[in-house]
Structures are given as structure tokens and as C-alpha cells.
Amino acid sequence: MMHRLYPLLFQPAYQHYMWGGDEIIRRFHRNEPPGVYAESWEVSDRPEGMSVVRNGPLQGEELSSLIQRYGSELLGVDPPTDRFPLLIKLIDARETLSVQVHPDDETAQRYGGEAKTEMWYVLDAAPGACVYAGLKSGADEAAFRQGVEAQTLDALLEEVSVQAGDVVFMPGGRVHAIGAGSLLLEVQQNSNTTYRIYDWGRVGSDGTPRDLHLEQAIRVMRWQDNAPAKIVPRRLESAEPNERWELLACPLFRMERLTIRQPWSAAHDGRSFQILFAADAPLELEAGDQTIQLPPGTTCLIPAAVTKYQLRPDPTAPATVLRITG
């Protein structure tokens, strides 16, 4: 039986990498046992962390099977692709992540792997938190290799301070690392190809250094990459008392920030799915005959076929919503 599509909530798929903490679980009051929760894959069409529906008639269905069944009704593309194009994550960097790079579309086609362009929205950051984004002017391959060998690569990396509300863009080919003390929402191409370059002298749980992928990284790196990593938001409208800002737009995805103080109605042409993330306050979402509660930290996939919906905030607190389209 084919059920009509409706706004979908998913079970998070957690990744327990050694650099993570428990901020995702604590901040968003998730009922999980104590432990390390480095990443929460919120919308994922990958076998190593597949999204499973947790609400409504489609509860228990995997995202991949829904795409096969509904195609453009879910994705809003013609012809429909065979997988979801984005991967949406929460990232809790208790420690600094390794320095790494991902291929872009061109180098992935040339050398293999999956292309990965990504962006980060900073939900929270400790004082002094930073990310590393690109190389300093004049850094070449010889200096880069020497920095890796001498364990001084950080001297060649551009350090960018971050605070809550910042938007950071990481196109494929840009060397980067997330510094300690940041909680991020990440939007990326559906990819898990990562070339680890430098791990700050860290060892894995077995006491040995983690594998590095220096030669693969050097092939896909952008050596002349002077574009700023931080993106300045652009105000789109202010229908008082609500606001809408464009945070980032690239050919692969777009993110807006909505500040909702009174009920807000949305309508679109069905050409794309939408993803909503309730960042800081509870909301109620109504679409057709469905009413869904969105506590802080909830991610909701609006299928392309759901062309109208309304968001209603709690009257005691405005709500920040991050809206992502493909």
C-alpha cells in the first residue's frame, strides 16, 4: 500500500568517534545511554548510518526504500535520483578533529571516491573556539609535506574563530579541521570519503596512530584557495515579527535561517524537498491533516509533494529554524 507522503522524522544514527562528547545528547534531552556521541546523522541515505522513519504510517521504513518507492514525490527532481543527495549531521567536537580534505566533483571523477562539499552552522562554541580552513598564502606542496613530517602542519593552516550563529563553507578540495569546543549542524553531499592528513599526534583506542592518506589528499587539494570560509548572511525578508535570512547558497544546497515569533506559513513549487532543524525552541508543524511536535534538536524532512505547511512557535519563546533545500 502506498501511503501519502507527510513530514518525516527519523531515528538518529550515531557515530561514536574518539574526538566526540555528549553535548548532542545533553543539550537536546535525547534518551540515550551515557557515552561518546561525536555525530548524529539526522538525515542519511547511507548503509553505515541509514535513516529510519519514526513517525506516522511509514514508521520503520528506511529512507533508501522510500526513495525507490516515491522518487520525485520525495526528492522533487526529474528524473529522480537513486539516493538522497545530502547528508545532514550534528557534530560535537569535544576535541579537535583531524586535518582532512575531501574530493570535489572533478577530482572524485578523476581519482575516485565520493565528492564532498559541506557547510557548517555553528550552534554553540566555547570561548576561543576555531576551525581551520585552507592553507596560508604561499604554502606549497614541499612545505606541506615537511609540516606533516615535522608535526608542525598547524603553522600552515588558516585559523578562523567561530561563535554561535556563524556559517562556514567548505568546498571539496579545501583542507580543514574542526577545532575543539564546537557544536555544529553540517550539511554535505552524500559522501563519506575523507582523506586524513594530520592527526595532531593522536593515537587510536588501540594505542597506535590512525591511518593517514597523504598522497590521496595531495591529489585533490586546492592549493590556491583564498575565498573566505565564513559566509555573511543575507536578509531576505522581515514580515514582522518574523525574519528570514539566506545563510548560504551553492549549486548543491541552500540554507536559510528563520526566526519565528508568530505562526508562519510556507508554500513552494514542489521542485525540491525541504529539511527543517529546530535549533533552540519548540515548534508545532502542521501539514494537511498532520500535526507534528518539533522539540529543540529535531530534524524534519518535508517531501517535495508536501507543498504547504505552517510552523507555530511556543508563544513564550521565538524559535530559530534552519531550512535546507537541495
Protein backbone atom coordinates (compact mmCIF):
# COMPACT_ATOMS: atom_id res chain seq x y z
CA MET A 1 0.00 0.00 0.00
CA MET A 2 1.34 3.45 -0.98
CA HIS A 3 0.78 5.94 1.82
CA ARG A 4 0.58 9.61 1.02
CA LEU A 5 3.82 11.38 1.98
CA TYR A 6 3.93 13.64 5.03
CA PRO A 7 6.67 15.38 7.08
CA LEU A 8 9.09 12.69 8.21
CA LEU A 9 11.06 12.34 11.43
CA PHE A 10 13.95 9.85 11.66
CA GLN A 11 15.81 7.88 14.30
CA PRO A 12 19.29 9.48 14.62
CA ALA A 13 22.18 7.28 13.53
CA TYR A 14 25.01 7.98 15.99
CA GLN A 15 28.73 7.75 15.27
CA HIS A 16 30.99 7.27 18.30
CA TYR A 17 34.31 8.69 17.08
CA MET A 18 37.03 9.23 19.68
CA TRP A 19 37.00 13.06 19.44
CA GLY A 20 33.31 13.44 20.32
CA GLY A 21 31.48 14.20 23.56
CA ASP A 22 27.92 14.03 24.87
CA GLU A 23 26.68 17.56 24.10
CA ILE A 24 24.16 16.40 21.48
CA ILE A 25 22.51 14.07 23.99
CA ARG A 26 22.53 16.54 26.88
CA ARG A 27 21.52 19.71 25.03
CA PHE A 28 18.64 18.14 23.16
CA HIS A 29 17.49 15.85 26.01
CA ARG A 30 17.82 12.66 23.98
CA ASN A 31 17.12 9.42 25.77
CA GLU A 32 20.40 7.61 25.15
CA PRO A 33 22.80 5.78 27.48
CA PRO A 34 25.97 7.58 28.61
CA GLY A 35 28.76 7.55 26.08
CA VAL A 36 30.54 9.40 23.29
CA TYR A 37 28.26 10.73 20.55
CA ALA A 38 30.53 12.51 18.10
CA GLU A 39 27.99 12.74 15.29
CA SER A 40 24.25 12.31 14.93
CA TRP A 41 23.31 11.55 11.34
CA GLU A 42 19.92 13.21 11.16
CA VAL A 43 19.01 12.57 7.51
CA SER A 44 21.15 9.88 5.93
CA ASP A 45 20.83 7.56 2.97
CA ARG A 46 23.99 5.55 3.70
CA PRO A 47 24.30 1.88 4.72
CA GLU A 48 26.66 2.76 7.60
CA GLY A 49 24.05 5.07 9.12
CA MET A 50 20.67 4.71 7.39
CA SER A 51 17.76 6.93 8.45
CA VAL A 52 14.67 5.05 9.64
CA VAL A 53 11.28 6.79 9.92
CA ARG A 54 9.97 7.14 13.47
CA ASN A 55 6.57 8.79 12.93
CA GLY A 56 3.31 8.08 11.12
CA PRO A 57 2.23 5.27 8.78
CA LEU A 58 5.73 4.89 7.30
CA GLN A 59 7.35 4.26 10.71
CA GLY A 60 10.15 1.69 10.43
CA GLU A 61 10.81 2.36 6.74
CA GLU A 62 14.35 3.17 5.59
CA LEU A 63 14.96 6.38 3.66
CA SER A 64 16.53 4.42 0.80
CA SER A 65 13.38 2.34 0.30
CA LEU A 66 11.19 5.45 0.35
CA ILE A 67 13.28 6.99 -2.43
CA GLN A 68 12.86 3.87 -4.56
CA ARG A 69 9.12 3.87 -3.95
CA TYR A 70 8.27 7.58 -4.18
CA GLY A 71 11.07 9.04 -6.32
CA SER A 72 10.31 12.61 -7.33
CA GLU A 73 7.42 12.89 -4.86
CA LEU A 74 10.06 12.77 -2.14
CA LEU A 75 13.10 14.33 -3.84
CA GLY A 76 11.48 16.78 -6.21
CA VAL A 77 13.84 16.06 -9.11
CA ASP A 78 13.12 14.82 -12.62
CA PRO A 79 14.20 12.20 -13.31
CA PRO A 80 14.54 11.03 -9.69
CA THR A 81 17.98 10.02 -8.49
CA ASP A 82 18.51 6.68 -6.78
CA ARG A 83 19.62 8.10 -3.44
CA PHE A 84 19.17 11.13 -1.20
CA PRO A 85 21.66 13.80 -2.37
CA LEU A 86 22.56 15.26 1.04
CA LEU A 87 23.72 14.05 4.44
CA ILE A 88 22.65 16.14 7.46
CA LYS A 89 24.63 15.77 10.70
CA LEU A 90 25.06 17.20 14.16
CA ILE A 91 28.74 17.27 15.18
CA ASP A 92 30.03 17.57 18.75
CA ALA A 93 33.75 18.32 18.63
CA ARG A 94 34.88 17.84 22.23
CA GLU A 95 38.41 17.52 20.83
CA THR A 96 39.94 18.88 17.64
CA LEU A 97 39.26 16.71 14.60
CA SER A 98 42.00 15.53 12.27
CA VAL A 99 43.13 17.78 9.42
CA GLN A 100 41.47 16.38 6.32
CA VAL A 101 40.26 17.04 2.82
CA HIS A 102 37.57 15.64 0.53
CA PRO A 103 37.47 15.47 -3.27
CA ASP A 104 35.24 17.82 -5.24
CA ASP A 105 33.16 16.63 -8.20
CA GLU A 106 36.05 17.00 -10.65
CA THR A 107 38.72 15.21 -8.61
CA ALA A 108 36.31 12.49 -7.48
CA GLN A 109 35.60 11.72 -11.12
CA ARG A 110 39.30 11.75 -11.92
CA TYR A 111 40.71 9.84 -8.94
CA GLY A 112 37.75 8.02 -7.40
CA GLY A 113 35.90 8.43 -4.12
CA GLU A 114 32.76 10.48 -3.48
CA ALA A 115 32.73 14.26 -3.84
CA LYS A 116 32.06 16.14 -0.62
CA THR A 117 31.33 19.83 -0.36
CA GLU A 118 29.95 20.82 3.05
CA MET A 119 28.88 23.70 5.25
CA TRP A 120 28.67 24.15 8.99
CA TYR A 121 26.23 26.21 11.03
CA VAL A 122 27.67 26.86 14.49
CA LEU A 123 25.01 26.07 17.09
CA ASP A 124 27.33 26.71 20.02
CA ALA A 125 31.02 27.35 20.59
CA ALA A 126 33.24 27.60 23.63
CA PRO A 127 35.26 30.81 24.12
CA GLY A 128 38.23 30.74 21.75
CA ALA A 129 36.77 28.01 19.53
CA CYS A 130 38.00 27.90 15.94
CA VAL A 131 38.06 25.95 12.74
CA TYR A 132 40.96 25.51 10.33
CA ALA A 133 40.06 26.37 6.75
CA GLY A 134 42.57 26.30 3.92
CA LEU A 135 46.28 26.98 3.75
CA LYS A 136 48.12 30.21 4.45
CA SER A 137 49.29 32.19 1.44
CA GLY A 138 52.47 30.77 -0.08
CA ALA A 139 52.13 27.26 1.34
CA ASP A 140 53.16 24.80 -1.37
CA GLU A 141 53.43 21.04 -1.58
CA ALA A 142 57.02 20.90 -0.30
CA ALA A 143 56.19 23.00 2.79
CA PHE A 144 53.04 20.97 3.30
CA ARG A 145 54.85 17.63 3.26
CA GLN A 146 57.52 19.00 5.60
CA GLY A 147 54.84 20.25 8.01
CA VAL A 148 53.21 16.82 8.12
CA GLU A 149 56.54 15.07 8.69
CA ALA A 150 57.71 17.51 11.36
CA GLN A 151 54.28 17.59 13.09
CA THR A 152 54.07 21.36 12.54
CA LEU A 153 51.32 21.47 9.91
CA ASP A 154 49.12 23.70 12.07
CA ALA A 155 51.50 26.59 11.32
CA LEU A 156 50.41 26.42 7.65
CA LEU A 157 46.66 26.34 8.31
CA GLU A 158 44.34 29.34 8.32
CA GLU A 159 42.72 29.55 11.75
CA VAL A 160 39.20 31.04 11.82
CA SER A 161 37.50 31.91 15.11
CA VAL A 162 33.85 30.88 15.39
CA GLN A 163 30.89 31.63 17.61
CA ALA A 164 27.22 30.67 17.69
CA GLY A 165 25.42 31.72 14.52
CA ASP A 166 28.47 31.63 12.25
CA VAL A 167 28.25 29.97 8.83
CA VAL A 168 31.33 28.23 7.40
CA PHE A 169 31.66 26.88 3.85
CA MET A 170 33.99 24.01 2.97
CA PRO A 171 34.04 23.21 -0.75
CA GLY A 172 35.63 19.94 -1.79
CA GLY A 173 39.41 20.35 -2.01
CA ARG A 174 39.74 22.78 0.92
CA VAL A 175 41.96 21.45 3.72
CA HIS A 176 40.17 21.82 7.04
CA ALA A 177 39.64 20.72 10.62
CA ILE A 178 37.05 21.49 13.29
CA GLY A 179 38.63 22.79 16.48
CA ALA A 180 37.65 21.66 19.97
CA GLY A 181 34.59 23.14 21.63
CA SER A 182 32.09 23.50 18.78
CA LEU A 183 28.61 22.07 18.25
CA LEU A 184 27.70 22.20 14.56
CA LEU A 185 24.92 21.38 12.15
CA GLU A 186 26.58 20.10 8.97
CA VAL A 187 25.05 19.93 5.50
CA GLN A 188 27.10 17.98 2.95
CA GLN A 189 26.91 16.00 -0.22
CA ASN A 190 26.00 12.40 0.42
CA SER A 191 29.57 11.19 0.78
CA ASN A 192 31.83 9.52 3.30
CA THR A 193 35.17 9.95 1.51
CA THR A 194 37.67 11.57 3.89
CA TYR A 195 41.42 11.79 3.41
CA ARG A 196 43.05 12.24 6.81
CA ILE A 197 46.26 14.27 6.57
CA TYR A 198 47.36 15.07 10.12
CA ASP A 199 46.06 13.88 13.49
CA TRP A 200 47.87 16.13 15.97
CA GLY A 201 49.98 13.21 17.21
CA ARG A 202 46.91 11.40 18.48
CA VAL A 203 46.62 7.62 18.73
CA GLY A 204 43.56 5.44 18.36
CA SER A 205 41.86 3.30 21.00
CA ASP A 206 44.36 0.53 20.29
CA GLY A 207 47.29 2.83 21.13
CA THR A 208 48.55 3.19 17.55
CA PRO A 209 48.27 6.22 15.25
CA ARG A 210 45.26 6.30 12.93
CA ASP A 211 45.85 5.80 9.22
CA LEU A 212 46.76 8.84 7.14
CA HIS A 213 46.02 9.35 3.43
CA LEU A 214 48.60 11.95 2.44
CA GLU A 215 49.07 11.01 -1.20
CA GLN A 216 45.33 10.81 -1.90
CA ALA A 217 44.86 14.16 -0.15
CA ILE A 218 47.56 15.94 -2.15
CA ARG A 219 45.92 14.89 -5.41
CA VAL A 220 42.58 16.53 -4.53
CA MET A 221 43.72 19.61 -2.56
CA ARG A 222 43.08 23.17 -3.72
CA TRP A 223 46.43 24.88 -3.33
CA GLN A 224 45.23 28.34 -4.38
CA ASP A 225 42.16 28.74 -2.18
CA ASN A 226 41.79 32.29 -0.94
CA ALA A 227 38.00 32.53 -0.67
CA PRO A 228 36.79 33.36 2.87
CA ALA A 229 35.48 30.41 4.86
CA LYS A 230 32.91 32.42 6.82
CA ILE A 231 29.81 33.44 4.87
CA VAL A 232 27.93 36.68 5.62
CA PRO A 233 24.14 36.04 5.87
CA ARG A 234 21.81 37.98 3.58
CA ARG A 235 18.46 39.24 4.81
CA LEU A 236 15.62 38.11 2.56
CA GLU A 237 12.54 39.48 4.24
CA SER A 238 11.21 40.75 7.51
CA ALA A 239 7.47 40.24 7.77
CA GLU A 240 7.37 41.48 11.33
CA PRO A 241 7.66 39.91 13.74
CA ASN A 242 9.21 37.00 11.74
CA GLU A 243 12.53 37.10 9.83
CA ARG A 244 14.15 35.12 7.02
CA TRP A 245 17.87 35.12 6.16
CA GLU A 246 19.82 33.31 3.45
CA LEU A 247 22.87 31.80 5.13
CA LEU A 248 24.44 30.05 2.15
CA ALA A 249 23.54 29.17 -1.42
CA CYS A 250 25.66 26.96 -3.69
CA PRO A 251 24.75 24.69 -6.59
CA LEU A 252 24.41 21.70 -4.26
CA PHE A 253 22.31 23.06 -1.38
CA ARG A 254 20.91 26.18 0.26
CA MET A 255 20.32 27.07 3.90
CA GLU A 256 18.06 29.74 5.38
CA ARG A 257 17.56 30.83 8.98
CA LEU A 258 14.00 31.58 10.05
CA THR A 259 13.20 33.46 13.24
CA ILE A 260 9.58 32.66 14.03
CA ARG A 261 7.66 34.63 16.63
CA GLN A 262 4.16 34.16 15.21
CA PRO A 263 2.68 31.39 13.02
CA TRP A 264 4.49 31.23 9.68
CA SER A 265 3.05 29.65 6.52
CA ALA A 266 5.24 28.21 3.77
CA ALA A 267 4.34 27.26 0.21
CA HIS A 268 6.68 26.04 -2.54
CA ASP A 269 6.51 24.63 -6.07
CA GLY A 270 7.45 21.04 -5.24
CA ARG A 271 10.74 21.14 -7.14
CA SER A 272 12.76 20.20 -4.04
CA PHE A 273 12.44 18.58 -0.65
CA GLN A 274 12.99 20.77 2.41
CA ILE A 275 14.68 19.91 5.71
CA LEU A 276 13.86 21.80 8.90
CA PHE A 277 16.02 21.83 12.02
CA ALA A 278 14.54 23.29 15.22
CA ALA A 279 17.61 24.92 16.72
CA ASP A 280 16.60 26.38 20.06
CA ALA A 281 12.87 26.35 20.90
CA PRO A 282 9.87 24.04 20.40
CA LEU A 283 7.63 24.33 17.35
CA GLU A 284 4.48 22.76 16.01
CA LEU A 285 4.36 21.84 12.34
CA GLU A 286 1.06 21.40 10.52
CA ALA A 287 0.82 19.96 7.01
CA GLY A 288 -2.55 18.74 5.74
CA ASP A 289 -4.05 16.53 8.42
CA GLN A 290 -0.68 16.03 10.17
CA THR A 291 0.37 17.99 13.27
CA ILE A 292 3.92 17.21 14.44
CA GLN A 293 5.77 18.48 17.51
CA LEU A 294 9.34 19.64 16.89
CA PRO A 295 11.26 19.98 20.17
CA PRO A 296 14.69 21.68 20.02
CA GLY A 297 17.18 19.48 18.20
CA THR A 298 14.59 17.88 15.93
CA THR A 299 15.20 17.45 12.20
CA CYS A 300 12.22 17.02 9.86
CA LEU A 301 12.23 16.11 6.16
CA ILE A 302 9.43 17.79 4.17
CA PRO A 303 8.92 15.73 0.98
CA ALA A 304 8.64 17.70 -2.26
CA ALA A 305 5.00 16.63 -2.60
CA VAL A 306 4.13 18.43 0.66
CA THR A 307 3.94 21.91 -0.85
CA LYS A 308 2.25 23.74 2.03
CA TYR A 309 2.87 23.72 5.76
CA GLN A 310 2.70 26.02 8.77
CA LEU A 311 5.09 26.46 11.70
CA ARG A 312 3.75 27.65 15.04
CA PRO A 313 6.16 28.64 17.82
CA ASP A 314 5.59 28.41 21.52
CA PRO A 315 4.10 31.79 22.48
CA THR A 316 6.67 32.20 25.26
CA ALA A 317 9.80 32.00 23.07
CA PRO A 318 10.76 32.77 19.45
CA ALA A 319 12.10 29.79 17.51
CA THR A 320 15.14 29.61 15.25
CA VAL A 321 14.63 27.19 12.38
CA LEU A 322 17.29 26.24 9.84
CA ARG A 323 15.74 25.35 6.48
CA ILE A 324 17.74 23.36 3.93
CA THR A 325 16.86 22.68 0.30
CA GLY A 326 18.67 20.66 -2.30
